[in-house]
Protein backbone atom coordinates (compact mmCIF):
# COMPACT_ATOMS: atom_id res chain seq x y z
CA MET A 1 20.73 11.27 -1.98
CA THR A 2 23.23 10.39 -4.63
CA PRO A 3 21.62 8.39 -7.42
CA ASN A 4 22.54 4.72 -7.33
CA SER A 5 23.69 3.79 -10.82
CA ARG A 6 23.67 0.05 -10.09
CA LEU A 7 20.00 0.11 -9.14
CA GLN A 8 19.25 2.33 -12.11
CA ARG A 9 20.92 -0.25 -14.41
CA LEU A 10 18.99 -3.11 -12.76
CA HIS A 11 15.77 -1.22 -13.31
CA ALA A 12 16.69 -0.54 -16.94
CA ALA A 13 17.23 -4.31 -17.34
CA GLY A 14 13.67 -4.95 -16.16
CA VAL A 15 14.14 -5.55 -12.42
CA SER A 16 11.52 -4.03 -10.14
CA ILE A 17 13.08 -2.49 -7.04
CA TRP A 18 10.68 -2.61 -4.09
CA LEU A 19 11.00 -1.01 -0.69
CA ASP A 20 10.03 -3.25 2.22
CA THR A 21 8.71 -0.52 4.50
CA LEU A 22 6.47 2.51 4.55
CA SER A 23 5.87 5.29 7.05
CA ARG A 24 4.55 8.82 7.19
CA GLU A 25 8.04 10.05 8.01
CA LEU A 26 9.38 8.44 4.83
CA LEU A 27 6.57 10.09 2.83
CA ASP A 28 6.54 13.52 4.53
CA SER A 29 10.31 13.96 4.52
CA GLY A 30 10.50 13.43 0.76
CA GLU A 31 12.74 10.40 1.23
CA PHE A 32 10.21 8.10 -0.48
CA ALA A 33 10.17 10.38 -3.53
CA GLU A 34 13.98 10.44 -3.51
CA LEU A 35 14.11 6.64 -3.42
CA ILE A 36 11.81 6.53 -6.43
CA ARG A 37 13.87 9.12 -8.30
CA ASP A 38 17.44 8.23 -7.27
CA TYR A 39 17.25 4.52 -6.45
CA ALA A 40 14.77 3.36 -9.11
CA VAL A 41 12.25 2.19 -6.49
CA THR A 42 9.10 1.21 -8.37
CA GLY A 43 7.13 -0.47 -5.60
CA ALA A 44 6.70 -0.78 -1.88
CA THR A 45 5.19 -3.24 0.52
CA SER A 46 3.56 -2.61 3.85
CA ASN A 47 1.68 -4.58 6.45
CA PRO A 48 0.06 -4.05 9.83
CA THR A 49 3.30 -4.79 11.70
CA ILE A 50 5.25 -2.22 9.67
CA PHE A 51 2.57 0.39 10.34
CA ALA A 52 2.23 -0.43 14.03
CA LYS A 53 5.96 0.23 14.39
CA ALA A 54 5.73 3.44 12.35
CA ILE A 55 2.71 4.75 14.28
CA THR A 56 4.06 4.00 17.75
CA GLY A 57 7.56 5.22 16.87
CA SER A 58 6.59 8.63 15.53
CA GLU A 59 4.60 11.69 16.49
CA ARG A 60 3.60 12.29 12.86
CA TYR A 61 0.33 10.39 13.37
CA ASP A 62 -0.69 12.08 16.62
CA SER A 63 -2.71 15.01 15.26
CA GLN A 64 -4.70 12.82 12.85
CA LEU A 65 -5.34 10.29 15.62
CA ARG A 66 -6.49 13.08 17.92
CA ARG A 67 -8.89 14.45 15.26
CA LEU A 68 -10.36 11.01 14.66
CA ALA A 69 -10.86 10.43 18.38
CA GLU A 70 -12.43 13.88 18.79
CA ALA A 71 -14.79 13.02 15.93
CA GLY A 72 -15.94 10.01 17.93
CA GLU A 73 -14.02 7.13 16.35
CA ARG A 74 -13.28 4.58 19.08
CA ASP A 75 -12.72 1.36 17.16
CA ARG A 76 -8.98 0.67 17.33
CA GLN A 77 -8.88 -1.17 14.03
CA GLN A 78 -10.70 1.65 12.22
CA LEU A 79 -8.32 4.18 13.78
CA PHE A 80 -5.39 2.09 12.60
CA PHE A 81 -6.82 1.78 9.08
CA ALA A 82 -7.50 5.51 8.86
CA LEU A 83 -3.84 6.25 9.60
CA ALA A 84 -2.28 3.45 7.55
CA LEU A 85 -4.51 3.79 4.48
CA ASP A 86 -3.69 7.48 4.18
CA ASP A 87 -0.01 6.53 3.91
CA VAL A 88 -0.75 3.75 1.42
CA ARG A 89 -2.80 6.19 -0.69
CA ASP A 90 0.06 8.74 -0.62
CA ALA A 91 2.56 6.04 -1.64
CA ALA A 92 0.24 4.97 -4.48
CA GLU A 93 0.18 8.56 -5.70
CA ALA A 94 3.98 8.76 -5.56
CA LEU A 95 4.30 5.48 -7.49
CA ARG A 96 1.59 6.28 -10.02
CA ARG A 97 4.01 7.53 -12.68
CA SER A 98 5.87 4.18 -12.59
CA TYR A 99 2.54 2.39 -12.81
CA ASP A 100 1.39 4.45 -15.80
CA GLN A 101 4.74 4.29 -17.63
CA SER A 102 4.90 0.50 -17.23
CA GLY A 103 1.37 -0.01 -18.48
CA GLY A 104 0.30 -1.29 -15.06
CA ARG A 105 3.09 -3.86 -14.68
CA ASP A 106 4.99 -1.94 -11.99
CA GLY A 107 4.53 0.98 -9.60
CA PHE A 108 2.53 -0.86 -6.94
CA ILE A 109 2.12 -0.41 -3.21
CA SER A 110 0.82 -3.38 -1.26
CA PHE A 111 -1.04 -3.54 2.02
CA GLU A 112 -1.82 -6.72 3.92
CA CYS A 113 -4.99 -7.89 5.62
CA THR A 114 -4.71 -8.04 9.39
CA PRO A 115 -3.28 -11.26 10.83
CA ASP A 116 -6.25 -11.86 13.14
CA LEU A 117 -8.21 -13.02 10.07
CA ALA A 118 -5.59 -15.43 8.73
CA ASP A 119 -7.70 -18.51 9.48
CA ASP A 120 -11.07 -17.11 8.38
CA THR A 121 -11.57 -17.17 4.61
CA GLN A 122 -14.80 -15.15 4.52
CA ALA A 123 -13.51 -12.48 6.91
CA THR A 124 -10.28 -12.20 4.91
CA ILE A 125 -12.27 -11.76 1.69
CA ALA A 126 -14.50 -9.14 3.34
CA GLN A 127 -11.55 -7.19 4.70
CA ALA A 128 -9.58 -7.41 1.43
CA LEU A 129 -12.58 -6.07 -0.49
CA ASP A 130 -13.17 -3.32 2.06
CA LEU A 131 -9.52 -2.20 1.99
CA TRP A 132 -9.37 -2.34 -1.79
CA GLN A 133 -12.55 -0.24 -2.10
CA ARG A 134 -11.41 2.25 0.53
CA LEU A 135 -8.08 2.78 -1.20
CA ASP A 136 -9.60 2.91 -4.70
CA GLU A 137 -6.29 3.22 -6.52
CA PRO A 138 -5.30 1.06 -9.49
CA ASN A 139 -1.75 0.54 -8.25
CA VAL A 140 -2.67 -0.83 -4.83
CA MET A 141 -2.51 -4.55 -4.11
CA ILE A 142 -4.11 -6.12 -1.06
CA LYS A 143 -2.10 -9.04 0.27
CA VAL A 144 -3.70 -11.97 2.05
CA PRO A 145 -1.92 -14.25 4.53
CA ALA A 146 -0.43 -17.43 3.08
CA THR A 147 -2.61 -19.77 5.12
CA GLU A 148 -4.85 -22.61 4.01
CA ALA A 149 -7.96 -20.60 4.93
CA ALA A 150 -6.77 -17.57 2.98
CA GLN A 151 -6.25 -19.54 -0.23
CA GLY A 152 -9.95 -19.11 -1.01
CA SER A 153 -9.56 -15.35 -0.90
CA THR A 154 -6.91 -15.12 -3.61
CA SER A 155 -9.30 -15.51 -6.54
CA THR A 156 -11.39 -12.66 -5.14
CA SER A 157 -8.25 -10.55 -4.75
CA ARG A 158 -7.18 -11.18 -8.35
CA PHE A 159 -10.66 -10.20 -9.52
CA CYS A 160 -10.43 -6.93 -7.58
CA SER A 161 -7.08 -6.12 -9.11
CA ARG A 162 -8.35 -6.74 -12.64
CA SER A 163 -11.59 -4.86 -12.01
CA SER A 164 -9.69 -1.89 -10.68
CA ALA A 165 -7.42 -1.83 -13.71
CA MET A 166 -10.39 -2.07 -16.07
CA ARG A 167 -12.34 0.61 -14.22
CA ARG A 168 -9.35 2.98 -14.21
CA SER A 169 -8.52 2.43 -17.87
CA SER A 170 -12.09 3.28 -18.87
CA THR A 171 -12.28 6.38 -16.69
CA PRO A 172 -11.01 9.60 -18.31
CA THR A 173 -8.39 11.46 -16.26
């Protein structure tokens, strides 16, 4: 890719450039790394719909899915999370330099709770905490649906983000 000087200038002026998609193909092909390097991408967002499209539209997930099934995993949601969270973790690693250089103000990847929990505050909180703990990266954000029921989960989500940042800053690397 040819570097995009306009995006580079926007980034230099303090604008965070986020990519609104994520897939294993984007990560494995090196295109995600190129977007970070050449297009000043310093964040990315993902959600279950984005991943469902990526998983069903690519063979890149097939061998991992087969291994999980052979190991006895049958729960469809856990299979989905195993695939998607690996990609989110890889994206977090790719964005980590931006996160570190910005002092934790940029370089994030986000992942959203599943929409089936949008009207259940406690289930949303439980899933957000579970996803956050499973990912265990300081530059991961867990998004919650913008519903009345989910409003109660946002204070828990903010706590997780701060706790993660504090835990990471006190852990030697």
